[in-house]
Amino acid sequence: MKMTAIKTGKLFLLLFLISGLLFSCSRKEDMLIGTWERIGDDLKGMQITIKNDTKEYYGVIGYVTDSNKYCGFIMDDIKWKSIKYVNENRYMLEDLAKTITPSGEIVKIYYTHSFITLVNPNLINVRSEAKGPELETGSVWKKIN
């Protein structure tokens, strides 16, 4: 009977260590995985799904409004790439930007070095480090899935 209790204790210890290992393998960026919708400005309604593969975390546009289309964004654009944890509630990323003419012609496609601030598990702010009138303000996103 004593031998069985020792074996059971060792089994529980082993399972505890394995589960700890599995949970410790999750990354800080995992908190961002899901679908986020832009809110509170003229480009509200765009939806981006943050995913990860073995190389990086990235965000793909899953829904665009007419305003988003006018700014040159289309479904399946990789809007956010190279998302990396910086510290407590901050992540860095490259954010897709497009320069368009008044008639809607895209003249420049580029990525800006930006930061995500996690306000809470369901709300983030994205702000570019770049300067310029179209980049001065950040954007707010709520998690919808």
C-alpha atoms as a PDB file:
ATOM      1  CA  MET A   1       0.000   0.000   0.000  1.00  0.00           C
ATOM      2  CA  LYS A   2       2.872   2.352   0.851  1.00  0.00           C
ATOM      3  CA  MET A   3       4.495   1.610  -2.532  1.00  0.00           C
ATOM      4  CA  THR A   4       1.283   2.529  -4.380  1.00  0.00           C
ATOM      5  CA  ALA A   5       1.058   5.868  -2.560  1.00  0.00           C
ATOM      6  CA  ILE A   6       4.669   6.668  -3.499  1.00  0.00           C
ATOM      7  CA  LYS A   7       4.038   5.770  -7.160  1.00  0.00           C
ATOM      8  CA  THR A   8       0.848   7.867  -7.190  1.00  0.00           C
ATOM      9  CA  GLY A   9       2.724  10.801  -5.633  1.00  0.00           C
ATOM     10  CA  LYS A  10       5.486  10.545  -8.230  1.00  0.00           C
ATOM     11  CA  LEU A  11       2.894  10.375 -11.036  1.00  0.00           C
ATOM     12  CA  PHE A  12       1.187  13.554  -9.781  1.00  0.00           C
ATOM     13  CA  LEU A  13       4.542  15.299  -9.462  1.00  0.00           C
ATOM     14  CA  LEU A  14       5.455  14.294 -13.011  1.00  0.00           C
ATOM     15  CA  LEU A  15       2.099  15.520 -14.377  1.00  0.00           C
ATOM     16  CA  PHE A  16       2.500  18.789 -12.471  1.00  0.00           C
ATOM     17  CA  LEU A  17       5.976  19.356 -13.931  1.00  0.00           C
ATOM     18  CA  ILE A  18       4.817  18.551 -17.477  1.00  0.00           C
ATOM     19  CA  SER A  19       1.821  20.907 -17.234  1.00  0.00           C
ATOM     20  CA  GLY A  20       4.108  23.638 -15.878  1.00  0.00           C
ATOM     21  CA  LEU A  21       6.428  23.146 -18.815  1.00  0.00           C
ATOM     22  CA  LEU A  22       3.567  23.367 -21.308  1.00  0.00           C
ATOM     23  CA  PHE A  23       2.185  26.558 -19.784  1.00  0.00           C
ATOM     24  CA  SER A  24       5.593  28.181 -19.520  1.00  0.00           C
ATOM     25  CA  CYS A  25       6.114  27.602 -23.253  1.00  0.00           C
ATOM     26  CA  SER A  26       3.322  30.035 -24.110  1.00  0.00           C
ATOM     27  CA  ARG A  27       4.591  33.437 -25.173  1.00  0.00           C
ATOM     28  CA  LYS A  28       3.551  36.912 -24.080  1.00  0.00           C
ATOM     29  CA  GLU A  29       2.369  37.616 -27.644  1.00  0.00           C
ATOM     30  CA  ASP A  30      -0.260  34.859 -27.287  1.00  0.00           C
ATOM     31  CA  MET A  31      -2.385  37.382 -25.388  1.00  0.00           C
ATOM     32  CA  LEU A  32      -2.892  39.281 -28.640  1.00  0.00           C
ATOM     33  CA  ILE A  33      -4.058  36.298 -30.710  1.00  0.00           C
ATOM     34  CA  GLY A  34      -7.621  36.810 -31.926  1.00  0.00           C
ATOM     35  CA  THR A  35      -9.662  39.262 -33.974  1.00  0.00           C
ATOM     36  CA  TRP A  36      -9.498  42.987 -33.239  1.00  0.00           C
ATOM     37  CA  GLU A  37     -11.826  45.706 -34.583  1.00  0.00           C
ATOM     38  CA  ARG A  38     -10.795  49.321 -35.004  1.00  0.00           C
ATOM     39  CA  ILE A  39     -13.049  51.762 -33.108  1.00  0.00           C
ATOM     40  CA  GLY A  40     -13.481  55.465 -32.502  1.00  0.00           C
ATOM     41  CA  ASP A  41     -12.263  57.131 -35.720  1.00  0.00           C
ATOM     42  CA  ASP A  42     -12.958  57.515 -39.450  1.00  0.00           C
ATOM     43  CA  LEU A  43     -11.416  54.124 -40.204  1.00  0.00           C
ATOM     44  CA  LYS A  44     -13.468  52.245 -37.602  1.00  0.00           C
ATOM     45  CA  GLY A  45     -14.761  48.828 -38.563  1.00  0.00           C
ATOM     46  CA  MET A  46     -11.562  47.319 -40.003  1.00  0.00           C
ATOM     47  CA  GLN A  47     -10.905  43.898 -38.495  1.00  0.00           C
ATOM     48  CA  ILE A  48      -7.491  42.311 -38.075  1.00  0.00           C
ATOM     49  CA  THR A  49      -6.853  38.751 -36.945  1.00  0.00           C
ATOM     50  CA  ILE A  50      -3.566  38.236 -35.121  1.00  0.00           C
ATOM     51  CA  LYS A  51      -2.064  34.821 -35.775  1.00  0.00           C
ATOM     52  CA  ASN A  52       1.269  33.166 -35.271  1.00  0.00           C
ATOM     53  CA  ASP A  53       3.326  30.695 -37.175  1.00  0.00           C
ATOM     54  CA  THR A  54       6.644  29.208 -36.188  1.00  0.00           C
ATOM     55  CA  LYS A  55       8.461  32.407 -37.188  1.00  0.00           C
ATOM     56  CA  GLU A  56       6.395  35.375 -36.019  1.00  0.00           C
ATOM     57  CA  TYR A  57       3.138  36.918 -34.881  1.00  0.00           C
ATOM     58  CA  TYR A  58       1.277  38.926 -37.522  1.00  0.00           C
ATOM     59  CA  GLY A  59      -2.130  40.494 -38.212  1.00  0.00           C
ATOM     60  CA  VAL A  60      -4.145  39.892 -41.378  1.00  0.00           C
ATOM     61  CA  ILE A  61      -7.023  42.131 -42.451  1.00  0.00           C
ATOM     62  CA  GLY A  62     -10.226  40.085 -42.353  1.00  0.00           C
ATOM     63  CA  TYR A  63     -12.767  42.849 -42.972  1.00  0.00           C
ATOM     64  CA  VAL A  64     -12.590  46.307 -44.549  1.00  0.00           C
ATOM     65  CA  THR A  65     -15.122  49.128 -44.737  1.00  0.00           C
ATOM     66  CA  ASP A  66     -15.519  51.517 -47.667  1.00  0.00           C
ATOM     67  CA  SER A  67     -13.338  54.041 -45.796  1.00  0.00           C
ATOM     68  CA  ASN A  68     -10.628  51.398 -45.401  1.00  0.00           C
ATOM     69  CA  LYS A  69     -10.856  50.502 -49.098  1.00  0.00           C
ATOM     70  CA  TYR A  70     -10.527  54.186 -50.033  1.00  0.00           C
ATOM     71  CA  CYS A  71      -7.272  54.249 -48.038  1.00  0.00           C
ATOM     72  CA  GLY A  72      -5.986  51.335 -50.119  1.00  0.00           C
ATOM     73  CA  PHE A  73      -6.508  48.481 -47.676  1.00  0.00           C
ATOM     74  CA  ILE A  74      -7.849  45.162 -48.892  1.00  0.00           C
ATOM     75  CA  MET A  75      -8.770  41.820 -47.390  1.00  0.00           C
ATOM     76  CA  ASP A  76      -5.783  39.606 -46.591  1.00  0.00           C
ATOM     77  CA  ASP A  77      -3.292  42.502 -46.419  1.00  0.00           C
ATOM     78  CA  ILE A  78      -0.746  41.774 -43.705  1.00  0.00           C
ATOM     79  CA  LYS A  79      -1.455  44.928 -41.715  1.00  0.00           C
ATOM     80  CA  TRP A  80       0.748  44.106 -38.722  1.00  0.00           C
ATOM     81  CA  LYS A  81       3.905  42.012 -38.889  1.00  0.00           C
ATOM     82  CA  SER A  82       6.835  41.088 -36.652  1.00  0.00           C
ATOM     83  CA  ILE A  83       4.845  41.578 -33.438  1.00  0.00           C
ATOM     84  CA  LYS A  84       7.197  41.179 -30.458  1.00  0.00           C
ATOM     85  CA  TYR A  85       6.825  41.557 -26.701  1.00  0.00           C
ATOM     86  CA  VAL A  86       8.748  44.534 -25.270  1.00  0.00           C
ATOM     87  CA  ASN A  87       7.656  44.775 -21.651  1.00  0.00           C
ATOM     88  CA  GLU A  88       4.665  44.596 -19.312  1.00  0.00           C
ATOM     89  CA  ASN A  89       1.891  45.904 -21.628  1.00  0.00           C
ATOM     90  CA  ARG A  90       3.886  46.930 -24.697  1.00  0.00           C
ATOM     91  CA  TYR A  91       4.662  45.218 -27.988  1.00  0.00           C
ATOM     92  CA  MET A  92       6.495  46.449 -31.077  1.00  0.00           C
ATOM     93  CA  LEU A  93       5.445  45.748 -34.645  1.00  0.00           C
ATOM     94  CA  GLU A  94       5.633  46.896 -38.236  1.00  0.00           C
ATOM     95  CA  ASP A  95       2.323  48.515 -39.304  1.00  0.00           C
ATOM     96  CA  LEU A  96       1.284  48.629 -42.969  1.00  0.00           C
ATOM     97  CA  ALA A  97       0.638  52.134 -44.296  1.00  0.00           C
ATOM     98  CA  LYS A  98      -0.335  53.331 -47.768  1.00  0.00           C
ATOM     99  CA  THR A  99      -0.102  56.774 -49.329  1.00  0.00           C
ATOM    100  CA  ILE A 100      -2.885  57.528 -51.796  1.00  0.00           C
ATOM    101  CA  THR A 101      -3.786  60.353 -54.148  1.00  0.00           C
ATOM    102  CA  PRO A 102      -7.139  62.184 -53.804  1.00  0.00           C
ATOM    103  CA  SER A 103      -8.460  59.965 -56.590  1.00  0.00           C
ATOM    104  CA  GLY A 104      -7.575  56.835 -54.594  1.00  0.00           C
ATOM    105  CA  GLU A 105      -4.440  55.757 -56.468  1.00  0.00           C
ATOM    106  CA  ILE A 106      -1.871  54.063 -54.243  1.00  0.00           C
ATOM    107  CA  VAL A 107       1.505  55.743 -54.693  1.00  0.00           C
ATOM    108  CA  LYS A 108       3.429  54.254 -51.777  1.00  0.00           C
ATOM    109  CA  ILE A 109       3.181  51.084 -49.665  1.00  0.00           C
ATOM    110  CA  TYR A 110       5.401  50.792 -46.599  1.00  0.00           C
ATOM    111  CA  TYR A 111       5.616  49.597 -43.002  1.00  0.00           C
ATOM    112  CA  THR A 112       6.120  51.933 -40.038  1.00  0.00           C
ATOM    113  CA  HIS A 113       7.772  50.950 -36.773  1.00  0.00           C
ATOM    114  CA  SER A 114       4.932  51.054 -34.245  1.00  0.00           C
ATOM    115  CA  PHE A 115       3.920  49.979 -30.758  1.00  0.00           C
ATOM    116  CA  ILE A 116       0.892  48.217 -29.309  1.00  0.00           C
ATOM    117  CA  THR A 117      -0.121  49.147 -25.780  1.00  0.00           C
ATOM    118  CA  LEU A 118      -2.350  46.585 -24.099  1.00  0.00           C
ATOM    119  CA  VAL A 119      -4.868  48.705 -22.163  1.00  0.00           C
ATOM    120  CA  ASN A 120      -6.657  45.582 -20.934  1.00  0.00           C
ATOM    121  CA  PRO A 121      -7.135  42.073 -22.379  1.00  0.00           C
ATOM    122  CA  ASN A 122      -9.835  43.408 -24.735  1.00  0.00           C
ATOM    123  CA  LEU A 123      -8.484  46.839 -25.741  1.00  0.00           C
ATOM    124  CA  ILE A 124      -5.259  47.946 -27.432  1.00  0.00           C
ATOM    125  CA  ASN A 125      -3.782  51.201 -28.741  1.00  0.00           C
ATOM    126  CA  VAL A 126      -1.507  51.173 -31.801  1.00  0.00           C
ATOM    127  CA  ARG A 127       0.797  54.141 -32.342  1.00  0.00           C
ATOM    128  CA  SER A 128       3.483  54.704 -34.960  1.00  0.00           C
ATOM    129  CA  GLU A 129       6.920  56.122 -34.201  1.00  0.00           C
ATOM    130  CA  ALA A 130       6.933  57.733 -37.650  1.00  0.00           C
ATOM    131  CA  LYS A 131       6.172  61.415 -38.076  1.00  0.00           C
ATOM    132  CA  GLY A 132       3.787  62.984 -40.541  1.00  0.00           C
ATOM    133  CA  PRO A 133       0.198  64.229 -40.583  1.00  0.00           C
ATOM    134  CA  GLU A 134      -1.277  60.843 -41.518  1.00  0.00           C
ATOM    135  CA  LEU A 135       0.677  59.083 -38.758  1.00  0.00           C
ATOM    136  CA  GLU A 136       0.317  61.520 -35.857  1.00  0.00           C
ATOM    137  CA  THR A 137      -2.625  59.815 -34.215  1.00  0.00           C
ATOM    138  CA  GLY A 138      -2.847  56.270 -33.007  1.00  0.00           C
ATOM    139  CA  SER A 139      -5.723  53.859 -33.332  1.00  0.00           C
ATOM    140  CA  VAL A 140      -7.825  51.997 -30.778  1.00  0.00           C
ATOM    141  CA  TRP A 141      -8.886  48.375 -31.235  1.00  0.00           C
ATOM    142  CA  LYS A 142     -11.276  46.156 -29.276  1.00  0.00           C
ATOM    143  CA  LYS A 143     -11.044  42.382 -29.221  1.00  0.00           C
ATOM    144  CA  ILE A 144     -14.116  40.743 -30.746  1.00  0.00           C
ATOM    145  CA  ASN A 145     -12.966  37.119 -30.870  1.00  0.00           C
END
